[in-house]
Protein backbone atom coordinates (compact mmCIF):
# COMPACT_ATOMS: atom_id res chain seq x y z
CA MET A 1 -0.06 -0.03 0.01
CA LYS A 2 1.45 3.37 -1.03
CA LYS A 3 1.64 5.69 2.05
CA LEU A 4 -0.21 8.96 2.00
CA LYS A 5 2.28 11.72 1.91
CA HIS A 6 0.42 14.97 1.03
CA ILE A 7 -2.98 16.13 2.17
CA ALA A 8 -4.91 19.30 1.40
CA ILE A 9 -7.52 20.84 3.69
CA ILE A 10 -10.10 23.65 3.12
CA LEU A 11 -10.29 25.50 6.37
CA ASP A 12 -14.00 26.04 6.28
CA GLY A 13 -16.49 26.82 8.95
CA ASN A 14 -14.89 29.40 11.36
CA ARG A 15 -17.70 31.89 11.22
CA ARG A 16 -20.44 29.27 11.49
CA PHE A 17 -18.49 27.88 14.49
CA SER A 18 -18.79 31.20 16.22
CA LYS A 19 -22.47 31.52 15.47
CA LYS A 20 -23.16 27.97 16.63
CA LEU A 21 -21.63 28.59 19.99
CA GLY A 22 -22.87 32.22 20.30
CA LEU A 23 -19.32 33.60 20.30
CA LYS A 24 -18.20 36.83 18.74
CA TRP A 25 -17.62 36.35 15.03
CA TRP A 26 -13.86 36.83 15.25
CA GLN A 27 -13.42 34.17 17.87
CA GLY A 28 -14.11 31.41 15.34
CA HIS A 29 -11.24 32.67 13.33
CA GLU A 30 -8.94 32.43 16.40
CA LYS A 31 -9.94 28.93 17.16
CA GLY A 32 -9.33 27.97 13.53
CA ALA A 33 -5.86 29.41 13.66
CA GLU A 34 -5.23 27.39 16.90
CA LYS A 35 -6.52 24.24 15.13
CA VAL A 36 -3.83 24.73 12.42
CA GLU A 37 -1.12 24.74 15.14
CA GLN A 38 -2.34 21.42 16.45
CA LEU A 39 -2.55 20.03 12.90
CA PHE A 40 1.25 20.21 12.55
CA ASP A 41 1.68 17.89 15.49
CA TRP A 42 -0.96 15.37 14.18
CA CYS A 43 0.67 15.29 10.80
CA LYS A 44 4.06 14.63 12.30
CA GLU A 45 2.60 11.78 14.47
CA LEU A 46 0.83 10.24 11.45
CA GLY A 47 3.68 10.39 9.08
CA ILE A 48 2.33 13.01 6.68
CA LYS A 49 5.04 14.82 4.97
CA GLU A 50 3.23 17.79 3.39
CA VAL A 51 -0.02 19.68 3.89
CA THR A 52 -1.57 22.40 1.86
CA LEU A 53 -4.08 24.61 3.61
CA TYR A 54 -6.85 26.70 1.82
CA SER A 55 -6.46 29.72 4.20
CA PHE A 56 -7.64 32.80 2.32
CA SER A 57 -9.11 32.80 -1.21
CA ILE A 58 -9.23 35.62 -3.84
CA GLU A 59 -12.96 35.77 -3.18
CA ASN A 60 -12.39 36.42 0.44
CA PHE A 61 -11.21 39.90 -0.39
CA GLU A 62 -14.84 40.67 -0.99
CA ARG A 63 -15.62 40.32 2.74
CA THR A 64 -16.29 43.25 4.91
CA GLU A 65 -13.42 45.74 5.82
CA GLU A 66 -13.90 44.83 9.43
CA GLU A 67 -13.43 41.02 8.88
CA LYS A 68 -10.63 41.53 6.56
CA GLY A 69 -8.81 43.93 8.86
CA PHE A 70 -9.11 41.41 11.69
CA LEU A 71 -7.95 38.51 9.58
CA MET A 72 -4.90 40.56 8.28
CA LYS A 73 -3.86 41.19 11.88
CA LEU A 74 -4.43 37.51 12.67
CA PHE A 75 -2.31 36.33 9.89
CA ILE A 76 0.64 38.64 10.94
CA LYS A 77 0.33 37.38 14.45
CA MET A 78 0.18 33.77 13.45
CA PHE A 79 3.10 33.97 10.94
CA ASN A 80 5.22 35.74 13.34
CA LYS A 81 4.44 33.25 16.04
CA VAL A 82 5.45 30.54 13.50
CA MET A 83 8.89 32.07 13.07
CA LYS A 84 9.40 31.89 16.78
CA ASP A 85 7.99 28.33 17.26
CA LYS A 86 10.58 25.95 18.37
CA ARG A 87 8.65 23.00 16.66
CA ILE A 88 9.13 24.70 13.26
CA HIS A 89 12.99 24.72 13.58
CA GLU A 90 13.36 21.47 15.50
CA ASN A 91 11.22 19.52 13.08
CA LYS A 92 12.61 21.34 10.02
CA ILE A 93 9.15 22.44 8.76
CA LYS A 94 9.52 24.32 5.51
CA ILE A 95 6.73 26.92 4.93
CA LYS A 96 5.62 28.22 1.45
CA PHE A 97 2.78 30.64 0.46
CA ILE A 98 0.99 30.03 -2.75
CA GLY A 99 -1.35 32.54 -4.46
CA ARG A 100 -1.41 36.09 -5.48
CA ARG A 101 0.38 37.45 -2.32
CA GLY A 102 0.70 40.82 -4.06
CA LEU A 103 -3.09 41.37 -3.15
CA PHE A 104 -2.09 41.64 0.49
CA PRO A 105 -0.90 44.62 2.56
CA LEU A 106 2.93 45.10 2.41
CA GLU A 107 3.40 44.20 6.02
CA ILE A 108 1.82 40.81 5.33
CA GLN A 109 3.80 40.26 2.20
CA LYS A 110 6.99 41.10 4.24
CA THR A 111 6.05 38.62 6.95
CA MET A 112 5.37 35.90 4.35
CA ASN A 113 8.77 36.52 2.73
CA GLU A 114 10.58 36.32 6.09
CA VAL A 115 8.84 33.04 6.99
CA GLU A 116 9.72 31.49 3.68
CA GLU A 117 13.32 32.85 3.84
CA ASN A 118 13.81 31.43 7.45
CA THR A 119 12.57 28.02 6.51
CA LYS A 120 13.62 27.52 2.89
CA ASP A 121 16.40 24.90 3.65
CA TYR A 122 14.23 22.79 5.81
CA ASP A 123 13.16 19.36 4.58
CA GLY A 124 11.57 17.48 7.44
CA PHE A 125 7.88 18.56 6.75
CA ARG A 126 6.25 21.06 4.39
CA VAL A 127 3.23 23.35 4.96
CA ASN A 128 1.87 25.41 2.06
CA PHE A 129 -0.51 28.15 3.01
CA ALA A 130 -2.92 29.07 0.00
CA MET A 131 -3.17 32.81 0.51
CA GLY A 132 -4.95 35.06 -2.10
CA TYR A 133 -5.44 31.81 -3.91
CA GLY A 134 -7.73 30.62 -6.65
CA GLY A 135 -7.41 27.47 -8.61
CA ARG A 136 -8.34 29.12 -11.91
CA ALA A 137 -6.01 32.01 -11.11
CA GLU A 138 -3.29 29.48 -10.60
CA ILE A 139 -3.71 28.17 -14.15
CA VAL A 140 -3.94 31.64 -15.67
CA ASP A 141 -0.63 32.74 -13.82
CA ALA A 142 1.07 29.61 -15.01
CA VAL A 143 0.19 30.16 -18.57
CA LYS A 144 1.23 33.94 -18.38
CA LYS A 145 4.63 32.79 -16.70
CA ILE A 146 5.21 30.37 -19.66
CA VAL A 147 4.27 32.90 -22.33
CA SER A 148 6.55 35.52 -20.76
CA LYS A 149 9.42 33.11 -21.36
CA GLY A 150 8.63 33.02 -24.99
CA VAL A 151 7.77 29.37 -25.11
CA LYS A 152 6.16 28.28 -28.36
CA ALA A 153 2.62 26.93 -28.28
CA SER A 154 3.78 23.63 -29.73
CA ASP A 155 6.11 23.21 -26.72
CA ILE A 156 3.39 23.55 -24.10
CA ASP A 157 2.23 20.42 -22.50
CA GLU A 158 0.81 19.21 -19.14
CA GLU A 159 4.22 18.64 -17.77
CA LEU A 160 5.34 22.20 -18.41
CA LEU A 161 2.07 23.55 -16.96
CA SER A 162 2.56 21.52 -13.88
CA LYS A 163 6.11 22.88 -13.43
CA ASN A 164 4.85 26.50 -13.56
CA MET A 165 2.01 26.06 -10.99
CA TYR A 166 2.30 27.73 -7.69
CA LEU A 167 2.21 24.27 -6.11
CA ASP A 168 4.89 21.89 -7.46
CA SER A 169 3.40 18.77 -5.84
CA GLU A 170 -0.09 17.14 -5.98
CA PRO A 171 -1.99 16.17 -2.86
CA GLU A 172 -3.50 12.64 -2.85
CA LEU A 173 -6.19 13.54 -0.48
CA LEU A 174 -8.48 16.67 0.01
CA ILE A 175 -10.31 17.09 3.30
CA ARG A 176 -13.28 19.53 3.36
CA PRO A 177 -14.89 20.29 6.78
CA GLY A 178 -17.99 22.35 7.02
CA GLY A 179 -20.67 20.18 5.41
CA GLU A 180 -20.09 21.48 1.84
CA PHE A 181 -19.52 19.11 -1.04
CA ARG A 182 -17.43 21.06 -3.40
CA ILE A 183 -13.73 22.04 -3.78
CA SER A 184 -14.51 25.84 -4.10
CA ASN A 185 -11.84 26.69 -6.65
CA PHE A 186 -9.09 24.91 -4.76
CA LEU A 187 -6.38 23.09 -6.54
CA VAL A 188 -8.30 22.81 -9.74
CA TRP A 189 -5.25 21.60 -11.70
CA GLN A 190 -3.99 19.30 -9.10
CA SER A 191 -7.40 17.67 -8.22
CA SER A 192 -7.63 15.44 -11.34
CA TYR A 193 -7.05 12.24 -9.29
CA MET A 194 -7.18 13.66 -5.80
CA GLU A 195 -9.41 11.64 -3.54
CA LEU A 196 -12.06 13.69 -1.56
CA TRP A 197 -13.24 13.26 1.97
CA PHE A 198 -15.99 15.47 3.55
CA THR A 199 -17.23 16.02 7.06
CA ASP A 200 -19.94 18.08 8.64
CA LYS A 201 -17.66 19.08 11.42
CA LEU A 202 -16.55 22.78 11.18
CA TRP A 203 -12.80 23.39 10.98
CA PRO A 204 -12.45 24.65 14.61
CA GLU A 205 -14.12 21.34 15.68
CA PHE A 206 -11.86 19.06 13.56
CA GLU A 207 -9.77 16.73 15.82
CA LYS A 208 -6.89 14.32 15.33
CA GLU A 209 -9.48 11.28 15.31
CA ASP A 210 -11.17 12.96 12.33
CA LEU A 211 -7.74 13.12 10.38
CA VAL A 212 -7.10 9.49 11.30
CA GLU A 213 -10.62 8.60 9.93
CA ALA A 214 -9.86 10.46 6.68
CA ILE A 215 -6.51 8.71 6.28
CA ASN A 216 -8.00 5.26 7.04
CA ASP A 217 -10.74 5.95 4.60
CA PHE A 218 -8.20 6.92 1.86
CA ASN A 219 -6.12 3.84 2.66
CA ALA A 220 -9.22 1.57 2.17
CA ARG A 221 -10.02 3.02 -1.20
CA GLU A 222 -8.76 1.39 -4.53
CA ARG A 223 -7.28 4.31 -6.51
CA ARG A 224 -7.96 4.30 -10.15
CA PHE A 225 -6.53 6.48 -12.87
CA GLY A 226 -8.60 7.07 -15.84
CA VAL A 227 -12.31 6.42 -16.35
C-alpha cells in the first residue's frame, strides 16, 4: 500500500462555529488558527510529509473591511508566532505561501517573505498556505509565466504547465470540513485524481481522530486512474 504523503485541507466553518456557540464572529477565526497549530503535530505523528491549507481565497477579499482587517492582523500574529515556534525549527518545517500574495498589504507580504526565507532549507515537513489563492487564477498565472518566457505553443504540454503552477506537488487527499460538497476553486489543476473526504464538522471542531478517519478511509480505497 502506497503511504499517503500529501493532504490538502479547506479551512471552512470558522464563522459558523462562532454563530453555533454564540461567540463573537472573530473568535471562530482564532479557534481555527489554533487548530492549524495542532494540525502540525498530528501530521508529524501520522507520518504525513506535506499539507496544503486553503487559508484565504481571492474571493475572501470581498468580505467586509472589518473582517478583512481582523484577518490581516491574525495572519501577521500567526506567521510571526510560527517563526518563533521551536517546533518549526526542531522539526525542519518548510513553509511556503501560494497564491497572489501581491493582493495583501505590504506588512503581510513582508512577513510571508521572512517566514519562507527562514525555513527555505528545511526538509522535514512542508506546509503550504494558500493565500490570495484561486485554482483558476493559478492556471492563468502559470500560462502567463510560460508565455513570458517566449515558449512556443507547440512546446506547451501538461508537464510544463505543472512545473509552472504555484504548487509543485499534488496532494493525494483533500479534506473538506464544514458540510459542503465542493472544492471551491481549490487546486483545480492538481485535483484530477485527488481523493475527496467530507465531514460536517466545522474546521475549529476538527480533531486528530477525524484526520485519522480520513486517512484510514483513503487507505481503504482502490485508487483508479482513468475512467
